[in-house]
Amino acid sequence: MPGTPRIRRAHNDLVNPKKVRIGSGMPIGVLSDSNGSGYPAYWSTYANFGDRLTPLLIQRIHKVKVRHVPRRGQVPPVWVIGVGSILTHRSLTGAFVWGTGVVKPQLRLTGKPRKVLVVRGPLTRDWLVKQGVDCSGVIFGDPGLLVSRWFAPATKKVNRLAVVPHRVDFDHSWVKKCRKQAGVVVVDLNWPVDRVIQSITSAEAVLSSSLHGLIAADAYGIPSLWVEFSDKVWGAGFKFRDYQLSLGGPVHEALRISNSVTVTDCISKAEPRTVELDMDEIIRRCPTKSMLGVS
């Protein structure tokens, strides 16, 4: 889009020198006790890369500890829902929506959010509007693109290809074969966030059945290819199309992986995607502590 800055690559002076290590899904030094004080936010507690980004990004933007809002039970009067296809995980009453998406359009919303600030893409926006949610002034963008602001890329390209399978595809036979190939790294999204990013950015191209594998590639300007190993990833590609449309399109459908597809085939099909979203505005729209009543 004319007049909006291209996404910035990470520089050493933007990277927190104390790397945040994540093992069980709880970012050390970021979270307060779930019953204590802190910036209230909801994210999925699946221990994988995309689901872990919400507290890490909020911590870096606002210099606060982040309290996980439970999926069920009592919640603060106002809170934030962030990265992921998680809009239907719980009632949105009192929520500020910051970059969230929906996984498939057949799902229904529970509760009306306090304010929709940023959504992943236009398909999510349209889904919300159809259910009577005011989306005036909303902008598009997945906050996962912000990782390049705070996490340094690998210093060298030591792999031809990074294969980033969704957790449901991790044991697919084609992925297993890739683990034995020189110059190919298979990325486990359960690894700590900085290790995932180092592995992805060590490669000249990225192949992924995980949306946030593709988003990480885009954040660092790496050619990528959306692939499907199976029909196990929920939503029939809705979230991938939603994200692609947020970038202005066009939408490229997934390459279905079969035994006849080679690593060389995938590398030849990988393309860089231009990201011209206003990432500074996405940062500005991350709700402040005062908006949430956090001291």
C-alpha atoms as a PDB file:
ATOM      1  CA  MET A   1       0.000   0.000   0.000  1.00  0.00           C
ATOM      2  CA  PRO A   2       1.442   3.394  -0.959  1.00  0.00           C
ATOM      3  CA  GLY A   3       2.652   5.493   1.935  1.00  0.00           C
ATOM      4  CA  THR A   4       3.085   2.632   4.386  1.00  0.00           C
ATOM      5  CA  PRO A   5       6.527   1.455   5.441  1.00  0.00           C
ATOM      6  CA  ARG A   6       7.829  -1.936   4.472  1.00  0.00           C
ATOM      7  CA  ILE A   7       8.359  -4.226   7.437  1.00  0.00           C
ATOM      8  CA  ARG A   8      11.745  -3.755   9.055  1.00  0.00           C
ATOM      9  CA  ARG A   9      14.269  -6.524   9.409  1.00  0.00           C
ATOM     10  CA  ALA A  10      15.623  -7.154  12.878  1.00  0.00           C
ATOM     11  CA  HIS A  11      18.800  -5.384  13.947  1.00  0.00           C
ATOM     12  CA  ASN A  12      20.976  -6.247  16.893  1.00  0.00           C
ATOM     13  CA  ASP A  13      19.989  -3.118  18.798  1.00  0.00           C
ATOM     14  CA  LEU A  14      16.326  -4.184  18.606  1.00  0.00           C
ATOM     15  CA  VAL A  15      16.939  -7.591  20.110  1.00  0.00           C
ATOM     16  CA  ASN A  16      16.589  -8.142  23.836  1.00  0.00           C
ATOM     17  CA  PRO A  17      20.014  -9.489  24.810  1.00  0.00           C
ATOM     18  CA  LYS A  18      18.383 -11.733  27.412  1.00  0.00           C
ATOM     19  CA  LYS A  19      16.742 -14.324  25.222  1.00  0.00           C
ATOM     20  CA  VAL A  20      13.374 -15.480  26.460  1.00  0.00           C
ATOM     21  CA  ARG A  21      13.425 -19.253  26.731  1.00  0.00           C
ATOM     22  CA  ILE A  22      10.161 -21.136  26.488  1.00  0.00           C
ATOM     23  CA  GLY A  23       9.854 -24.810  27.278  1.00  0.00           C
ATOM     24  CA  SER A  24       6.503 -25.771  28.732  1.00  0.00           C
ATOM     25  CA  GLY A  25       4.648 -22.896  27.094  1.00  0.00           C
ATOM     26  CA  MET A  26       5.203 -20.451  29.948  1.00  0.00           C
ATOM     27  CA  PRO A  27       7.630 -17.661  28.935  1.00  0.00           C
ATOM     28  CA  ILE A  28      10.125 -17.264  31.777  1.00  0.00           C
ATOM     29  CA  GLY A  29      10.234 -13.723  33.123  1.00  0.00           C
ATOM     30  CA  VAL A  30       7.174 -12.664  31.130  1.00  0.00           C
ATOM     31  CA  LEU A  31       4.208 -14.088  32.980  1.00  0.00           C
ATOM     32  CA  SER A  32       2.863 -13.255  36.381  1.00  0.00           C
ATOM     33  CA  ASP A  33       0.855 -15.776  38.325  1.00  0.00           C
ATOM     34  CA  SER A  34      -2.512 -16.435  36.652  1.00  0.00           C
ATOM     35  CA  ASN A  35      -4.234 -15.294  39.854  1.00  0.00           C
ATOM     36  CA  GLY A  36      -1.979 -12.308  40.383  1.00  0.00           C
ATOM     37  CA  SER A  37      -1.482  -8.921  38.813  1.00  0.00           C
ATOM     38  CA  GLY A  38      -0.310  -8.222  35.297  1.00  0.00           C
ATOM     39  CA  TYR A  39      -1.499  -7.320  31.842  1.00  0.00           C
ATOM     40  CA  PRO A  40      -4.495  -9.636  31.169  1.00  0.00           C
ATOM     41  CA  ALA A  41      -4.381 -11.427  27.822  1.00  0.00           C
ATOM     42  CA  TYR A  42      -5.688 -14.643  26.335  1.00  0.00           C
ATOM     43  CA  TRP A  43      -3.712 -16.971  24.097  1.00  0.00           C
ATOM     44  CA  SER A  44      -3.967 -20.659  23.370  1.00  0.00           C
ATOM     45  CA  THR A  45      -1.871 -22.746  25.752  1.00  0.00           C
ATOM     46  CA  TYR A  46      -0.816 -25.232  23.077  1.00  0.00           C
ATOM     47  CA  ALA A  47       2.957 -25.244  23.413  1.00  0.00           C
ATOM     48  CA  ASN A  48       3.809 -24.081  19.919  1.00  0.00           C
ATOM     49  CA  PHE A  49       5.428 -21.101  18.255  1.00  0.00           C
ATOM     50  CA  GLY A  50       2.419 -19.030  17.122  1.00  0.00           C
ATOM     51  CA  ASP A  51       0.494 -19.485  20.352  1.00  0.00           C
ATOM     52  CA  ARG A  52       3.447 -18.260  22.409  1.00  0.00           C
ATOM     53  CA  LEU A  53       3.855 -14.949  20.602  1.00  0.00           C
ATOM     54  CA  THR A  54       1.118 -12.931  22.327  1.00  0.00           C
ATOM     55  CA  PRO A  55       2.788 -12.607  25.760  1.00  0.00           C
ATOM     56  CA  LEU A  56       6.240 -12.155  24.251  1.00  0.00           C
ATOM     57  CA  LEU A  57       5.149  -9.312  21.979  1.00  0.00           C
ATOM     58  CA  ILE A  58       3.087  -7.548  24.652  1.00  0.00           C
ATOM     59  CA  GLN A  59       5.981  -7.784  27.085  1.00  0.00           C
ATOM     60  CA  ARG A  60       8.299  -6.144  24.593  1.00  0.00           C
ATOM     61  CA  ILE A  61       5.840  -3.441  23.506  1.00  0.00           C
ATOM     62  CA  HIS A  62       4.671  -2.366  26.958  1.00  0.00           C
ATOM     63  CA  LYS A  63       7.451  -3.638  29.290  1.00  0.00           C
ATOM     64  CA  VAL A  64       4.967  -5.480  31.483  1.00  0.00           C
ATOM     65  CA  LYS A  65       4.393  -8.938  32.868  1.00  0.00           C
ATOM     66  CA  VAL A  66       1.492 -10.646  31.174  1.00  0.00           C
ATOM     67  CA  ARG A  67      -1.222 -12.592  32.970  1.00  0.00           C
ATOM     68  CA  HIS A  68      -2.938 -15.430  31.125  1.00  0.00           C
ATOM     69  CA  VAL A  69      -6.723 -15.076  31.015  1.00  0.00           C
ATOM     70  CA  PRO A  70      -8.257 -18.543  31.451  1.00  0.00           C
ATOM     71  CA  ARG A  71     -10.317 -20.141  28.720  1.00  0.00           C
ATOM     72  CA  ARG A  72     -13.107 -20.748  31.206  1.00  0.00           C
ATOM     73  CA  GLY A  73     -14.153 -19.039  34.399  1.00  0.00           C
ATOM     74  CA  GLN A  74     -13.904 -15.463  35.581  1.00  0.00           C
ATOM     75  CA  VAL A  75     -12.026 -12.871  33.554  1.00  0.00           C
ATOM     76  CA  PRO A  76     -11.132  -9.215  34.177  1.00  0.00           C
ATOM     77  CA  PRO A  77     -13.620  -6.567  32.977  1.00  0.00           C
ATOM     78  CA  VAL A  78     -11.238  -5.705  30.124  1.00  0.00           C
ATOM     79  CA  TRP A  79      -8.549  -7.873  28.563  1.00  0.00           C
ATOM     80  CA  VAL A  80      -6.756  -8.572  25.277  1.00  0.00           C
ATOM     81  CA  ILE A  81      -7.022 -11.467  22.846  1.00  0.00           C
ATOM     82  CA  GLY A  82      -4.009 -11.726  20.563  1.00  0.00           C
ATOM     83  CA  VAL A  83      -2.225 -13.913  18.038  1.00  0.00           C
ATOM     84  CA  GLY A  84      -3.890 -17.026  16.647  1.00  0.00           C
ATOM     85  CA  SER A  85      -7.111 -18.408  15.209  1.00  0.00           C
ATOM     86  CA  ILE A  86      -8.719 -18.196  18.621  1.00  0.00           C
ATOM     87  CA  LEU A  87     -11.708 -15.840  18.394  1.00  0.00           C
ATOM     88  CA  THR A  88     -14.118 -18.648  19.271  1.00  0.00           C
ATOM     89  CA  HIS A  89     -12.094 -20.126  22.133  1.00  0.00           C
ATOM     90  CA  ARG A  90     -14.065 -18.270  24.786  1.00  0.00           C
ATOM     91  CA  SER A  91     -16.591 -15.478  25.310  1.00  0.00           C
ATOM     92  CA  LEU A  92     -15.200 -12.184  24.000  1.00  0.00           C
ATOM     93  CA  THR A  93     -17.090 -10.008  26.463  1.00  0.00           C
ATOM     94  CA  GLY A  94     -14.709  -7.244  27.568  1.00  0.00           C
ATOM     95  CA  ALA A  95     -12.016  -8.148  25.023  1.00  0.00           C
ATOM     96  CA  PHE A  96      -9.854  -5.869  22.929  1.00  0.00           C
ATOM     97  CA  VAL A  97      -9.122  -7.801  19.726  1.00  0.00           C
ATOM     98  CA  TRP A  98      -5.504  -7.332  18.636  1.00  0.00           C
ATOM     99  CA  GLY A  99      -4.567  -9.221  15.475  1.00  0.00           C
ATOM    100  CA  THR A 100      -6.689 -12.299  16.085  1.00  0.00           C
ATOM    101  CA  GLY A 101      -8.344 -14.514  13.483  1.00  0.00           C
ATOM    102  CA  VAL A 102     -11.002 -17.189  13.165  1.00  0.00           C
ATOM    103  CA  VAL A 103     -10.132 -20.691  11.981  1.00  0.00           C
ATOM    104  CA  LYS A 104     -13.229 -21.336   9.848  1.00  0.00           C
ATOM    105  CA  PRO A 105     -16.347 -19.315   8.969  1.00  0.00           C
ATOM    106  CA  GLN A 106     -18.876 -21.892  10.161  1.00  0.00           C
ATOM    107  CA  LEU A 107     -18.041 -21.147  13.806  1.00  0.00           C
ATOM    108  CA  ARG A 108     -20.102 -18.749  15.907  1.00  0.00           C
ATOM    109  CA  LEU A 109     -18.996 -15.950  18.181  1.00  0.00           C
ATOM    110  CA  THR A 110     -19.763 -15.956  21.901  1.00  0.00           C
ATOM    111  CA  GLY A 111     -20.038 -12.521  23.493  1.00  0.00           C
ATOM    112  CA  LYS A 112     -19.311  -9.176  21.862  1.00  0.00           C
ATOM    113  CA  PRO A 113     -15.804  -7.718  22.177  1.00  0.00           C
ATOM    114  CA  ARG A 114     -15.224  -4.338  23.743  1.00  0.00           C
ATOM    115  CA  LYS A 115     -13.310  -3.084  20.687  1.00  0.00           C
ATOM    116  CA  VAL A 116     -11.892  -4.627  17.514  1.00  0.00           C
ATOM    117  CA  LEU A 117      -8.559  -2.902  16.867  1.00  0.00           C
ATOM    118  CA  VAL A 118      -6.680  -5.243  14.525  1.00  0.00           C
ATOM    119  CA  VAL A 119      -7.721  -8.525  12.909  1.00  0.00           C
ATOM    120  CA  ARG A 120      -5.608 -10.972  10.941  1.00  0.00           C
ATOM    121  CA  GLY A 121      -7.346 -10.297   7.635  1.00  0.00           C
ATOM    122  CA  PRO A 122     -10.501  -9.326   5.730  1.00  0.00           C
ATOM    123  CA  LEU A 123     -12.108 -12.756   5.999  1.00  0.00           C
ATOM    124  CA  THR A 124     -12.027 -12.486   9.789  1.00  0.00           C
ATOM    125  CA  ARG A 125     -13.380  -8.921   9.578  1.00  0.00           C
ATOM    126  CA  ASP A 126     -16.273 -10.037   7.372  1.00  0.00           C
ATOM    127  CA  TRP A 127     -17.030 -12.937   9.728  1.00  0.00           C
ATOM    128  CA  LEU A 128     -17.250 -10.546  12.678  1.00  0.00           C
ATOM    129  CA  VAL A 129     -19.426  -8.038  10.806  1.00  0.00           C
ATOM    130  CA  LYS A 130     -21.902 -10.771   9.827  1.00  0.00           C
ATOM    131  CA  GLN A 131     -22.350 -11.454  13.525  1.00  0.00           C
ATOM    132  CA  GLY A 132     -23.106  -7.854  14.350  1.00  0.00           C
ATOM    133  CA  VAL A 133     -19.690  -6.768  15.609  1.00  0.00           C
ATOM    134  CA  ASP A 134     -18.622  -3.187  14.881  1.00  0.00           C
ATOM    135  CA  CYS A 135     -15.386  -3.300  12.901  1.00  0.00           C
ATOM    136  CA  SER A 136     -15.236   0.349  11.893  1.00  0.00           C
ATOM    137  CA  GLY A 137     -11.660   1.578  11.766  1.00  0.00           C
ATOM    138  CA  VAL A 138     -10.183  -1.904  12.036  1.00  0.00           C
ATOM    139  CA  ILE A 139      -6.877  -2.616  10.302  1.00  0.00           C
ATOM    140  CA  PHE A 140      -5.403  -5.910   9.088  1.00  0.00           C
ATOM    141  CA  GLY A 141      -2.232  -7.659  10.147  1.00  0.00           C
ATOM    142  CA  ASP A 142      -0.963 -10.599  12.144  1.00  0.00           C
ATOM    143  CA  PRO A 143       1.217  -9.347  15.028  1.00  0.00           C
ATOM    144  CA  GLY A 144       3.420 -12.388  14.465  1.00  0.00           C
ATOM    145  CA  LEU A 145       5.090 -10.322  11.743  1.00  0.00           C
ATOM    146  CA  LEU A 146       6.624  -8.266  14.544  1.00  0.00           C
ATOM    147  CA  VAL A 147       9.075 -11.010  15.520  1.00  0.00           C
ATOM    148  CA  SER A 148      11.717  -9.441  13.294  1.00  0.00           C
ATOM    149  CA  ARG A 149      11.675  -6.360  15.521  1.00  0.00           C
ATOM    150  CA  TRP A 150      12.931  -8.250  18.570  1.00  0.00           C
ATOM    151  CA  PHE A 151      14.462 -11.559  17.484  1.00  0.00           C
ATOM    152  CA  ALA A 152      17.676 -11.555  15.466  1.00  0.00           C
ATOM    153  CA  PRO A 153      17.857 -13.816  12.406  1.00  0.00           C
ATOM    154  CA  ALA A 154      20.548 -16.425  11.894  1.00  0.00           C
ATOM    155  CA  THR A 155      23.836 -14.899  10.826  1.00  0.00           C
ATOM    156  CA  LYS A 156      24.382 -17.399   7.993  1.00  0.00           C
ATOM    157  CA  LYS A 157      22.272 -19.305   5.497  1.00  0.00           C
ATOM    158  CA  VAL A 158      23.416 -22.849   6.187  1.00  0.00           C
ATOM    159  CA  ASN A 159      20.346 -24.703   4.873  1.00  0.00           C
ATOM    160  CA  ARG A 160      18.650 -24.810   1.492  1.00  0.00           C
ATOM    161  CA  LEU A 161      15.222 -25.375   3.023  1.00  0.00           C
ATOM    162  CA  ALA A 162      13.423 -25.117   6.358  1.00  0.00           C
ATOM    163  CA  VAL A 163      10.447 -27.470   6.604  1.00  0.00           C
ATOM    164  CA  VAL A 164       7.923 -26.235   9.180  1.00  0.00           C
ATOM    165  CA  PRO A 165       5.162 -28.796   9.662  1.00  0.00           C
ATOM    166  CA  HIS A 166       2.032 -28.038  11.649  1.00  0.00           C
ATOM    167  CA  ARG A 167       2.032 -30.148  14.810  1.00  0.00           C
ATOM    168  CA  VAL A 168      -0.516 -32.532  13.247  1.00  0.00           C
ATOM    169  CA  ASP A 169       1.878 -33.152  10.335  1.00  0.00           C
ATOM    170  CA  PHE A 170       5.087 -33.545  12.308  1.00  0.00           C
ATOM    171  CA  ASP A 171       5.304 -37.317  11.816  1.00  0.00           C
ATOM    172  CA  HIS A 172       4.262 -37.339   8.158  1.00  0.00           C
ATOM    173  CA  SER A 173       6.422 -39.696   6.059  1.00  0.00           C
ATOM    174  CA  TRP A 174       7.643 -36.891   3.746  1.00  0.00           C
ATOM    175  CA  VAL A 175       8.737 -34.844   6.768  1.00  0.00           C
ATOM    176  CA  LYS A 176      10.580 -37.839   8.175  1.00  0.00           C
ATOM    177  CA  LYS A 177      12.497 -38.203   4.904  1.00  0.00           C
ATOM    178  CA  CYS A 178      13.489 -34.538   5.077  1.00  0.00           C
ATOM    179  CA  ARG A 179      15.194 -35.092   8.432  1.00  0.00           C
ATOM    180  CA  LYS A 180      17.732 -37.290   6.650  1.00  0.00           C
ATOM    181  CA  GLN A 181      18.540 -34.821   3.865  1.00  0.00           C
ATOM    182  CA  ALA A 182      21.593 -32.601   3.958  1.00  0.00           C
ATOM    183  CA  GLY A 183      20.827 -28.897   3.812  1.00  0.00           C
ATOM    184  CA  VAL A 184      17.273 -29.338   5.116  1.00  0.00           C
ATOM    185  CA  VAL A 185      16.197 -28.446   8.634  1.00  0.00           C
ATOM    186  CA  VAL A 186      12.863 -29.674  10.004  1.00  0.00           C
ATOM    187  CA  VAL A 187      11.578 -27.132  12.518  1.00  0.00           C
ATOM    188  CA  ASP A 188       9.738 -28.316  15.615  1.00  0.00           C
ATOM    189  CA  LEU A 189       7.287 -25.594  16.626  1.00  0.00           C
ATOM    190  CA  ASN A 190       7.539 -26.796  20.226  1.00  0.00           C
ATOM    191  CA  TRP A 191      11.111 -25.514  20.353  1.00  0.00           C
ATOM    192  CA  PRO A 192      11.781 -22.205  22.146  1.00  0.00           C
ATOM    193  CA  VAL A 193      10.740 -19.216  20.028  1.00  0.00           C
ATOM    194  CA  ASP A 194      14.284 -18.006  19.427  1.00  0.00           C
ATOM    195  CA  ARG A 195      15.374 -21.461  18.259  1.00  0.00           C
ATOM    196  CA  VAL A 196      12.428 -21.665  15.845  1.00  0.00           C
ATOM    197  CA  ILE A 197      13.381 -18.281  14.386  1.00  0.00           C
ATOM    198  CA  GLN A 198      17.069 -19.132  14.155  1.00  0.00           C
ATOM    199  CA  SER A 199      16.229 -22.366  12.323  1.00  0.00           C
ATOM    200  CA  ILE A 200      13.794 -20.744   9.889  1.00  0.00           C
ATOM    201  CA  THR A 201      16.148 -17.879   9.108  1.00  0.00           C
ATOM    202  CA  SER A 202      19.069 -20.273   8.575  1.00  0.00           C
ATOM    203  CA  ALA A 203      17.395 -21.400   5.345  1.00  0.00           C
ATOM    204  CA  GLU A 204      17.193 -19.927   1.858  1.00  0.00           C
ATOM    205  CA  ALA A 205      13.532 -20.985   1.540  1.00  0.00           C
ATOM    206  CA  VAL A 206      10.724 -22.113   3.834  1.00  0.00           C
ATOM    207  CA  LEU A 207       8.055 -24.754   3.270  1.00  0.00           C
ATOM    208  CA  SER A 208       5.273 -24.793   5.848  1.00  0.00           C
ATOM    209  CA  SER A 209       1.887 -26.282   6.661  1.00  0.00           C
ATOM    210  CA  SER A 210       1.807 -23.981   9.714  1.00  0.00           C
ATOM    211  CA  LEU A 211       0.537 -20.448   9.198  1.00  0.00           C
ATOM    212  CA  HIS A 212       3.044 -18.921  11.579  1.00  0.00           C
ATOM    213  CA  GLY A 213       5.867 -20.726   9.837  1.00  0.00           C
ATOM    214  CA  LEU A 214       4.921 -18.732   6.740  1.00  0.00           C
ATOM    215  CA  ILE A 215       4.435 -15.539   8.726  1.00  0.00           C
ATOM    216  CA  ALA A 216       7.910 -15.885  10.251  1.00  0.00           C
ATOM    217  CA  ALA A 217       9.349 -16.337   6.763  1.00  0.00           C
ATOM    218  CA  ASP A 218       7.576 -13.182   5.604  1.00  0.00           C
ATOM    219  CA  ALA A 219       8.816 -11.244   8.634  1.00  0.00           C
ATOM    220  CA  TYR A 220      12.418 -11.922   7.603  1.00  0.00           C
ATOM    221  CA  GLY A 221      11.911 -11.666   3.841  1.00  0.00           C
ATOM    222  CA  ILE A 222      12.501 -15.372   3.105  1.00  0.00           C
ATOM    223  CA  PRO A 223      10.843 -17.042   0.077  1.00  0.00           C
ATOM    224  CA  SER A 224       8.170 -19.444   1.274  1.00  0.00           C
ATOM    225  CA  LEU A 225       5.626 -21.990   0.105  1.00  0.00           C
ATOM    226  CA  TRP A 226       2.349 -23.002   1.744  1.00  0.00           C
ATOM    227  CA  VAL A 227       1.982 -26.777   1.603  1.00  0.00           C
ATOM    228  CA  GLU A 228      -0.514 -29.375   2.764  1.00  0.00           C
ATOM    229  CA  PHE A 229       0.724 -32.733   3.963  1.00  0.00           C
ATOM    230  CA  SER A 230      -2.767 -33.891   4.962  1.00  0.00           C
ATOM    231  CA  ASP A 231      -6.314 -32.724   5.663  1.00  0.00           C
ATOM    232  CA  LYS A 232      -5.630 -32.627   9.408  1.00  0.00           C
ATOM    233  CA  VAL A 233      -5.016 -28.878   9.748  1.00  0.00           C
ATOM    234  CA  TRP A 234      -8.387 -27.546  10.861  1.00  0.00           C
ATOM    235  CA  GLY A 235     -10.228 -24.962   8.769  1.00  0.00           C
ATOM    236  CA  ALA A 236      -9.590 -26.089   5.163  1.00  0.00           C
ATOM    237  CA  GLY A 237      -7.103 -23.272   4.529  1.00  0.00           C
ATOM    238  CA  PHE A 238      -9.370 -20.409   5.677  1.00  0.00           C
ATOM    239  CA  LYS A 239      -6.756 -18.809   7.943  1.00  0.00           C
ATOM    240  CA  PHE A 240      -4.069 -18.997   5.232  1.00  0.00           C
ATOM    241  CA  ARG A 241      -6.292 -17.187   2.726  1.00  0.00           C
ATOM    242  CA  ASP A 242      -7.277 -14.631   5.363  1.00  0.00           C
ATOM    243  CA  TYR A 243      -3.619 -13.844   6.004  1.00  0.00           C
ATOM    244  CA  GLN A 244      -2.688 -13.666   2.321  1.00  0.00           C
ATOM    245  CA  LEU A 245      -5.553 -11.259   1.669  1.00  0.00           C
ATOM    246  CA  SER A 246      -4.319  -9.018   4.495  1.00  0.00           C
ATOM    247  CA  LEU A 247      -1.186  -8.486   2.407  1.00  0.00           C
ATOM    248  CA  GLY A 248      -3.224  -7.427  -0.603  1.00  0.00           C
ATOM    249  CA  GLY A 249      -3.313 -10.797  -2.361  1.00  0.00           C
ATOM    250  CA  PRO A 250      -3.241 -12.608  -4.657  1.00  0.00           C
ATOM    251  CA  VAL A 251      -4.142 -15.822  -2.876  1.00  0.00           C
ATOM    252  CA  HIS A 252      -1.955 -18.799  -3.745  1.00  0.00           C
ATOM    253  CA  GLU A 253      -3.374 -22.185  -2.838  1.00  0.00           C
ATOM    254  CA  ALA A 254      -1.327 -24.826  -1.059  1.00  0.00           C
ATOM    255  CA  LEU A 255       0.898 -27.333  -2.822  1.00  0.00           C
ATOM    256  CA  ARG A 256      -0.253 -30.811  -1.873  1.00  0.00           C
ATOM    257  CA  ILE A 257       2.750 -32.890  -0.877  1.00  0.00           C
ATOM    258  CA  SER A 258       3.019 -36.392  -2.304  1.00  0.00           C
ATOM    259  CA  ASN A 259       5.900 -38.849  -2.479  1.00  0.00           C
ATOM    260  CA  SER A 260       6.711 -37.612  -5.983  1.00  0.00           C
ATOM    261  CA  VAL A 261       7.350 -34.040  -4.781  1.00  0.00           C
ATOM    262  CA  THR A 262      11.026 -33.318  -4.161  1.00  0.00           C
ATOM    263  CA  VAL A 263      12.800 -30.766  -2.015  1.00  0.00           C
ATOM    264  CA  THR A 264      14.124 -29.162  -5.201  1.00  0.00           C
ATOM    265  CA  ASP A 265      10.545 -28.846  -6.514  1.00  0.00           C
ATOM    266  CA  CYS A 266       9.530 -26.997  -3.367  1.00  0.00           C
ATOM    267  CA  ILE A 267      12.496 -24.642  -3.389  1.00  0.00           C
ATOM    268  CA  SER A 268      11.780 -23.722  -7.018  1.00  0.00           C
ATOM    269  CA  LYS A 269       8.175 -22.838  -6.142  1.00  0.00           C
ATOM    270  CA  ALA A 270       8.942 -20.770  -3.035  1.00  0.00           C
ATOM    271  CA  GLU A 271       8.443 -17.028  -3.484  1.00  0.00           C
ATOM    272  CA  PRO A 272       9.109 -13.987  -1.294  1.00  0.00           C
ATOM    273  CA  ARG A 273       6.049 -12.050  -0.228  1.00  0.00           C
ATOM    274  CA  THR A 274       6.007  -8.273  -0.019  1.00  0.00           C
ATOM    275  CA  VAL A 275       4.746  -7.046   3.349  1.00  0.00           C
ATOM    276  CA  GLU A 276       3.698  -3.408   3.293  1.00  0.00           C
ATOM    277  CA  LEU A 277       1.475  -3.385   6.350  1.00  0.00           C
ATOM    278  CA  ASP A 278       1.927  -0.524   8.798  1.00  0.00           C
ATOM    279  CA  MET A 279       3.513  -2.517  11.614  1.00  0.00           C
ATOM    280  CA  ASP A 280       4.099   0.628  13.678  1.00  0.00           C
ATOM    281  CA  GLU A 281       0.338   1.194  13.698  1.00  0.00           C
ATOM    282  CA  ILE A 282      -0.237  -2.408  14.808  1.00  0.00           C
ATOM    283  CA  ILE A 283       2.120  -1.734  17.714  1.00  0.00           C
ATOM    284  CA  ARG A 284       0.315   1.517  18.547  1.00  0.00           C
ATOM    285  CA  ARG A 285      -2.989  -0.358  18.619  1.00  0.00           C
ATOM    286  CA  CYS A 286      -1.793  -2.884  21.183  1.00  0.00           C
ATOM    287  CA  PRO A 287      -3.907  -1.822  24.192  1.00  0.00           C
ATOM    288  CA  THR A 288      -1.989   0.181  26.758  1.00  0.00           C
ATOM    289  CA  LYS A 289      -1.783  -0.596  30.445  1.00  0.00           C
ATOM    290  CA  SER A 290      -4.079   2.328  31.234  1.00  0.00           C
ATOM    291  CA  MET A 291      -6.752   0.949  28.877  1.00  0.00           C
ATOM    292  CA  LEU A 292      -6.720  -2.254  30.898  1.00  0.00           C
ATOM    293  CA  GLY A 293      -6.383  -0.675  34.329  1.00  0.00           C
ATOM    294  CA  VAL A 294      -2.910  -2.127  34.838  1.00  0.00           C
ATOM    295  CA  SER A 295      -0.460  -0.127  36.902  1.00  0.00           C
END
